[in-house]
PDB file of N, CA and C in Angstrom:
ATOM      1  N   MET A   1       1.292 -13.313 -11.449  1.00  0.00           N
ATOM      2  CA  MET A   1       2.711 -13.431 -10.988  1.00  0.00           C
ATOM      3  C   MET A   1       2.697 -13.949  -9.723  1.00  0.00           C
ATOM      4  N   ASP A   2       3.828 -15.349  -9.995  1.00  0.00           N
ATOM      5  CA  ASP A   2       4.160 -16.204  -8.976  1.00  0.00           C
ATOM      6  C   ASP A   2       4.748 -15.820  -7.709  1.00  0.00           C
ATOM      7  N   GLN A   3       5.115 -16.567  -6.512  1.00  0.00           N
ATOM      8  CA  GLN A   3       5.571 -15.823  -5.780  1.00  0.00           C
ATOM      9  C   GLN A   3       7.060 -15.652  -5.845  1.00  0.00           C
ATOM     10  N   ASN A   4       7.939 -16.505  -6.321  1.00  0.00           N
ATOM     11  CA  ASN A   4       9.451 -15.791  -6.388  1.00  0.00           C
ATOM     12  C   ASN A   4       9.456 -14.723  -7.530  1.00  0.00           C
ATOM     13  N   ASN A   5       8.585 -14.690  -8.338  1.00  0.00           N
ATOM     14  CA  ASN A   5       8.045 -13.059  -8.608  1.00  0.00           C
ATOM     15  C   ASN A   5       8.385 -11.857  -8.178  1.00  0.00           C
ATOM     16  N   MET A   6       6.538 -12.199  -6.853  1.00  0.00           N
ATOM     17  CA  MET A   6       6.584 -11.351  -5.717  1.00  0.00           C
ATOM     18  C   MET A   6       7.963 -11.268  -5.142  1.00  0.00           C
ATOM     19  N   ARG A   7       8.746 -12.266  -4.719  1.00  0.00           N
ATOM     20  CA  ARG A   7       9.875 -12.101  -4.064  1.00  0.00           C
ATOM     21  C   ARG A   7      10.872 -11.079  -4.943  1.00  0.00           C
ATOM     22  N   GLU A   8      11.114 -11.446  -5.357  1.00  0.00           N
ATOM     23  CA  GLU A   8      11.798 -10.029  -6.555  1.00  0.00           C
ATOM     24  C   GLU A   8      11.514  -9.083  -6.491  1.00  0.00           C
ATOM     25  N   LYS A   9      10.246  -8.909  -6.824  1.00  0.00           N
ATOM     26  CA  LYS A   9       9.748  -7.519  -7.232  1.00  0.00           C
ATOM     27  C   LYS A   9       9.835  -6.613  -5.938  1.00  0.00           C
ATOM     28  N   LEU A  10       9.391  -7.366  -4.495  1.00  0.00           N
ATOM     29  CA  LEU A  10       9.455  -6.897  -3.374  1.00  0.00           C
ATOM     30  C   LEU A  10      11.041  -6.235  -3.206  1.00  0.00           C
ATOM     31  N   ASN A  11      11.909  -7.534  -3.036  1.00  0.00           N
ATOM     32  CA  ASN A  11      14.099  -6.941  -3.112  1.00  0.00           C
ATOM     33  C   ASN A  11      13.766  -6.148  -3.843  1.00  0.00           C
ATOM     34  N   GLN A  12      13.505  -5.720  -5.107  1.00  0.00           N
ATOM     35  CA  GLN A  12      13.572  -4.790  -5.834  1.00  0.00           C
ATOM     36  C   GLN A  12      13.021  -3.373  -5.065  1.00  0.00           C
ATOM     37  N   ILE A  13      11.765  -3.434  -4.689  1.00  0.00           N
ATOM     38  CA  ILE A  13      11.354  -2.121  -4.309  1.00  0.00           C
ATOM     39  C   ILE A  13      11.751  -1.569  -3.267  1.00  0.00           C
ATOM     40  N   ILE A  14      12.443  -2.427  -2.389  1.00  0.00           N
ATOM     41  CA  ILE A  14      13.285  -2.261  -1.150  1.00  0.00           C
ATOM     42  C   ILE A  14      14.641  -1.992  -1.493  1.00  0.00           C
ATOM     43  N   ASN A  15      15.732  -2.453  -2.438  1.00  0.00           N
ATOM     44  CA  ASN A  15      16.685  -2.014  -2.433  1.00  0.00           C
ATOM     45  C   ASN A  15      16.739  -0.552  -3.426  1.00  0.00           C
ATOM     46  N   LYS A  16      15.351  -0.373  -4.400  1.00  0.00           N
ATOM     47  CA  LYS A  16      15.699   0.196  -4.823  1.00  0.00           C
ATOM     48  C   LYS A  16      15.050   2.068  -4.187  1.00  0.00           C
ATOM     49  N   TYR A  17      14.120   1.948  -3.480  1.00  0.00           N
ATOM     50  CA  TYR A  17      13.859   3.063  -2.646  1.00  0.00           C
ATOM     51  C   TYR A  17      13.546   2.996  -1.135  1.00  0.00           C
ATOM     52  N   GLY A  18      14.882   1.970  -0.700  1.00  0.00           N
ATOM     53  CA  GLY A  18      14.993   2.029   0.545  1.00  0.00           C
ATOM     54  C   GLY A  18      13.650   1.906   1.226  1.00  0.00           C
ATOM     55  N   THR A  19      12.668   0.811   1.356  1.00  0.00           N
ATOM     56  CA  THR A  19      11.328   0.588   1.538  1.00  0.00           C
ATOM     57  C   THR A  19      11.214  -0.473   2.622  1.00  0.00           C
ATOM     58  N   THR A  20      10.526   0.121   3.338  1.00  0.00           N
ATOM     59  CA  THR A  20      11.027  -1.033   4.661  1.00  0.00           C
ATOM     60  C   THR A  20      10.002  -2.564   4.689  1.00  0.00           C
ATOM     61  N   ILE A  21      10.369  -3.331   5.666  1.00  0.00           N
ATOM     62  CA  ILE A  21       9.457  -4.177   5.943  1.00  0.00           C
ATOM     63  C   ILE A  21       7.786  -3.814   6.575  1.00  0.00           C
ATOM     64  N   THR A  22       8.466  -2.829   7.390  1.00  0.00           N
ATOM     65  CA  THR A  22       7.339  -2.725   8.329  1.00  0.00           C
ATOM     66  C   THR A  22       6.395  -1.421   7.398  1.00  0.00           C
ATOM     67  N   PHE A  23       7.262  -1.057   6.587  1.00  0.00           N
ATOM     68  CA  PHE A  23       5.832  -0.275   5.203  1.00  0.00           C
ATOM     69  C   PHE A  23       5.355  -0.909   4.757  1.00  0.00           C
ATOM     70  N   ILE A  24       6.055  -2.032   4.237  1.00  0.00           N
ATOM     71  CA  ILE A  24       5.094  -3.315   3.090  1.00  0.00           C
ATOM     72  C   ILE A  24       3.965  -4.133   4.174  1.00  0.00           C
ATOM     73  N   ALA A  25       4.716  -4.204   5.676  1.00  0.00           N
ATOM     74  CA  ALA A  25       3.032  -4.872   6.260  1.00  0.00           C
ATOM     75  C   ALA A  25       1.646  -4.063   6.573  1.00  0.00           C
ATOM     76  N   LYS A  26       2.155  -2.610   6.721  1.00  0.00           N
ATOM     77  CA  LYS A  26       1.066  -1.723   6.880  1.00  0.00           C
ATOM     78  C   LYS A  26       0.278  -1.365   5.732  1.00  0.00           C
ATOM     79  N   LYS A  27       1.094  -1.367   4.446  1.00  0.00           N
ATOM     80  CA  LYS A  27       0.058  -1.351   3.258  1.00  0.00           C
ATOM     81  C   LYS A  27      -0.635  -2.381   3.036  1.00  0.00           C
ATOM     82  N   THR A  28       0.268  -3.634   3.348  1.00  0.00           N
ATOM     83  CA  THR A  28      -0.875  -4.912   2.876  1.00  0.00           C
ATOM     84  C   THR A  28      -1.383  -5.932   4.090  1.00  0.00           C
ATOM     85  N   GLN A  29      -1.513  -4.753   5.375  1.00  0.00           N
ATOM     86  CA  GLN A  29      -1.877  -5.418   5.582  1.00  0.00           C
ATOM     87  C   GLN A  29      -1.476  -6.946   6.369  1.00  0.00           C
ATOM     88  N   LEU A  30      -0.585  -7.588   6.384  1.00  0.00           N
ATOM     89  CA  LEU A  30       0.169  -8.593   6.999  1.00  0.00           C
ATOM     90  C   LEU A  30       1.158  -8.240   7.623  1.00  0.00           C
ATOM     91  N   SER A  31       1.220  -9.399   8.730  1.00  0.00           N
ATOM     92  CA  SER A  31       2.300  -8.857   9.855  1.00  0.00           C
ATOM     93  C   SER A  31       4.062  -9.048   9.267  1.00  0.00           C
ATOM     94  N   LYS A  32       5.122  -7.797  10.006  1.00  0.00           N
ATOM     95  CA  LYS A  32       6.171  -8.029   9.587  1.00  0.00           C
ATOM     96  C   LYS A  32       6.878  -9.516   9.654  1.00  0.00           C
ATOM     97  N   THR A  33       6.659 -10.401  10.689  1.00  0.00           N
ATOM     98  CA  THR A  33       7.246 -11.672  10.612  1.00  0.00           C
ATOM     99  C   THR A  33       6.659 -12.099   9.232  1.00  0.00           C
ATOM    100  N   THR A  34       5.203 -12.184   8.114  1.00  0.00           N
ATOM    101  CA  THR A  34       4.714 -12.751   7.160  1.00  0.00           C
ATOM    102  C   THR A  34       5.981 -12.031   6.186  1.00  0.00           C
ATOM    103  N   ILE A  35       5.841 -11.215   6.035  1.00  0.00           N
ATOM    104  CA  ILE A  35       6.464 -10.499   5.034  1.00  0.00           C
ATOM    105  C   ILE A  35       8.112 -10.600   4.726  1.00  0.00           C
ATOM    106  N   SER A  36       8.783 -10.567   6.253  1.00  0.00           N
ATOM    107  CA  SER A  36      10.158 -11.322   6.662  1.00  0.00           C
ATOM    108  C   SER A  36      10.567 -12.615   6.124  1.00  0.00           C
ATOM    109  N   LEU A  37       9.394 -13.157   5.745  1.00  0.00           N
ATOM    110  CA  LEU A  37       9.908 -14.925   6.195  1.00  0.00           C
ATOM    111  C   LEU A  37       9.851 -15.675   4.945  1.00  0.00           C
ATOM    112  N   PHE A  38       8.910 -14.120   3.739  1.00  0.00           N
ATOM    113  CA  PHE A  38       7.960 -14.785   2.479  1.00  0.00           C
ATOM    114  C   PHE A  38       9.439 -14.254   1.604  1.00  0.00           C
ATOM    115  N   LEU A  39      10.296 -13.034   2.499  1.00  0.00           N
ATOM    116  CA  LEU A  39      10.849 -12.961   1.300  1.00  0.00           C
ATOM    117  C   LEU A  39      12.189 -13.751   1.154  1.00  0.00           C
ATOM    118  N   LYS A  40      12.862 -13.975   2.622  1.00  0.00           N
ATOM    119  CA  LYS A  40      13.476 -15.107   2.799  1.00  0.00           C
ATOM    120  C   LYS A  40      13.277 -16.531   2.009  1.00  0.00           C
ATOM    121  N   GLY A  41      12.127 -16.787   1.689  1.00  0.00           N
ATOM    122  CA  GLY A  41      11.500 -17.848   1.135  1.00  0.00           C
ATOM    123  C   GLY A  41      11.146 -19.284   1.793  1.00  0.00           C
ATOM    124  N   GLU A  42      10.849 -18.601   2.945  1.00  0.00           N
ATOM    125  CA  GLU A  42      10.361 -19.547   4.402  1.00  0.00           C
ATOM    126  C   GLU A  42       9.164 -19.530   4.158  1.00  0.00           C
ATOM    127  N   ARG A  43       8.240 -18.677   3.676  1.00  0.00           N
ATOM    128  CA  ARG A  43       6.714 -18.898   3.770  1.00  0.00           C
ATOM    129  C   ARG A  43       6.116 -18.464   2.351  1.00  0.00           C
ATOM    130  N   ASP A  44       5.359 -19.304   1.876  1.00  0.00           N
ATOM    131  CA  ASP A  44       4.526 -18.666   0.906  1.00  0.00           C
ATOM    132  C   ASP A  44       3.516 -18.186   1.275  1.00  0.00           C
ATOM    133  N   LEU A  45       2.653 -17.078   0.613  1.00  0.00           N
ATOM    134  CA  LEU A  45       1.294 -16.386   0.212  1.00  0.00           C
ATOM    135  C   LEU A  45       0.342 -17.760   0.636  1.00  0.00           C
ATOM    136  N   LYS A  46      -0.122 -18.050   1.024  1.00  0.00           N
ATOM    137  CA  LYS A  46      -1.675 -19.019   0.826  1.00  0.00           C
ATOM    138  C   LYS A  46      -2.306 -19.038   0.311  1.00  0.00           C
ATOM    139  N   THR A  47      -3.170 -17.608   0.585  1.00  0.00           N
ATOM    140  CA  THR A  47      -4.582 -17.588  -0.021  1.00  0.00           C
ATOM    141  C   THR A  47      -4.871 -16.542  -1.347  1.00  0.00           C
ATOM    142  N   GLU A  48      -5.507 -16.375  -2.233  1.00  0.00           N
ATOM    143  CA  GLU A  48      -5.194 -15.601  -3.075  1.00  0.00           C
ATOM    144  C   GLU A  48      -5.537 -13.914  -2.549  1.00  0.00           C
ATOM    145  N   GLU A  49      -6.312 -13.909  -1.710  1.00  0.00           N
ATOM    146  CA  GLU A  49      -6.490 -12.353  -1.086  1.00  0.00           C
ATOM    147  C   GLU A  49      -4.878 -11.658  -0.717  1.00  0.00           C
ATOM    148  N   ILE A  50      -4.516 -12.443  -0.419  1.00  0.00           N
ATOM    149  CA  ILE A  50      -2.879 -12.569   0.181  1.00  0.00           C
ATOM    150  C   ILE A  50      -2.287 -11.609  -1.060  1.00  0.00           C
ATOM    151  N   GLN A  51      -2.251 -12.635  -2.065  1.00  0.00           N
ATOM    152  CA  GLN A  51      -1.564 -12.753  -2.968  1.00  0.00           C
ATOM    153  C   GLN A  51      -1.838 -11.419  -3.763  1.00  0.00           C
ATOM    154  N   SER A  52      -3.300 -10.968  -3.844  1.00  0.00           N
ATOM    155  CA  SER A  52      -3.825  -9.960  -3.961  1.00  0.00           C
ATOM    156  C   SER A  52      -3.058  -8.816  -4.088  1.00  0.00           C
ATOM    157  N   ARG A  53      -3.207  -9.025  -2.662  1.00  0.00           N
ATOM    158  CA  ARG A  53      -2.622  -7.369  -1.791  1.00  0.00           C
ATOM    159  C   ARG A  53      -0.964  -7.093  -2.270  1.00  0.00           C
ATOM    160  N   VAL A  54      -0.514  -8.113  -2.128  1.00  0.00           N
ATOM    161  CA  VAL A  54       0.903  -7.893  -2.224  1.00  0.00           C
ATOM    162  C   VAL A  54       1.201  -7.766  -4.039  1.00  0.00           C
ATOM    163  N   ILE A  55       0.315  -7.802  -4.797  1.00  0.00           N
ATOM    164  CA  ILE A  55       0.588  -8.170  -6.069  1.00  0.00           C
ATOM    165  C   ILE A  55       0.256  -6.093  -6.452  1.00  0.00           C
ATOM    166  N   THR A  56      -0.949  -6.010  -5.989  1.00  0.00           N
ATOM    167  CA  THR A  56      -1.538  -4.315  -5.878  1.00  0.00           C
ATOM    168  C   THR A  56      -0.089  -3.508  -5.199  1.00  0.00           C
ATOM    169  N   PHE A  57       0.516  -3.985  -4.095  1.00  0.00           N
ATOM    170  CA  PHE A  57       1.558  -2.800  -3.584  1.00  0.00           C
ATOM    171  C   PHE A  57       2.273  -3.537  -4.644  1.00  0.00           C
ATOM    172  N   ILE A  58       2.978  -3.663  -5.384  1.00  0.00           N
ATOM    173  CA  ILE A  58       4.088  -4.265  -6.300  1.00  0.00           C
ATOM    174  C   ILE A  58       3.759  -3.033  -7.956  1.00  0.00           C
ATOM    175  N   GLU A  59       2.534  -3.393  -7.529  1.00  0.00           N
ATOM    176  CA  GLU A  59       1.974  -2.786  -9.100  1.00  0.00           C
ATOM    177  C   GLU A  59       1.538  -0.894  -8.917  1.00  0.00           C
ATOM    178  N   GLN A  60       1.685  -0.470  -7.935  1.00  0.00           N
ATOM    179  CA  GLN A  60       1.615   0.897  -7.318  1.00  0.00           C
ATOM    180  C   GLN A  60       2.514   1.328  -7.263  1.00  0.00           C
ATOM    181  N   ARG A  61       3.917   0.463  -6.956  1.00  0.00           N
ATOM    182  CA  ARG A  61       5.411   0.896  -7.149  1.00  0.00           C
ATOM    183  C   ARG A  61       6.199   1.379  -8.463  1.00  0.00           C
ATOM    184  N   ILE A  62       5.567  -0.047  -8.938  1.00  0.00           N
ATOM    185  CA  ILE A  62       6.995  -0.483 -10.106  1.00  0.00           C
ATOM    186  C   ILE A  62       5.971   0.367 -11.650  1.00  0.00           C
TER     187      ILE A  62
END
């Protein structure tokens, strides 16, 4: 899953379920700032491990 696809899926989860950035950050063990900047397209997720955490979060909810 590429970065843009992850952003799209996270935004779908936020819009559909009212999920907060704080909740996503807590579940992925990332900072709220990282999640926020990622969603705005101002930061990419640099490592495979971080990307894997976000993908796992998405897959558990979609």
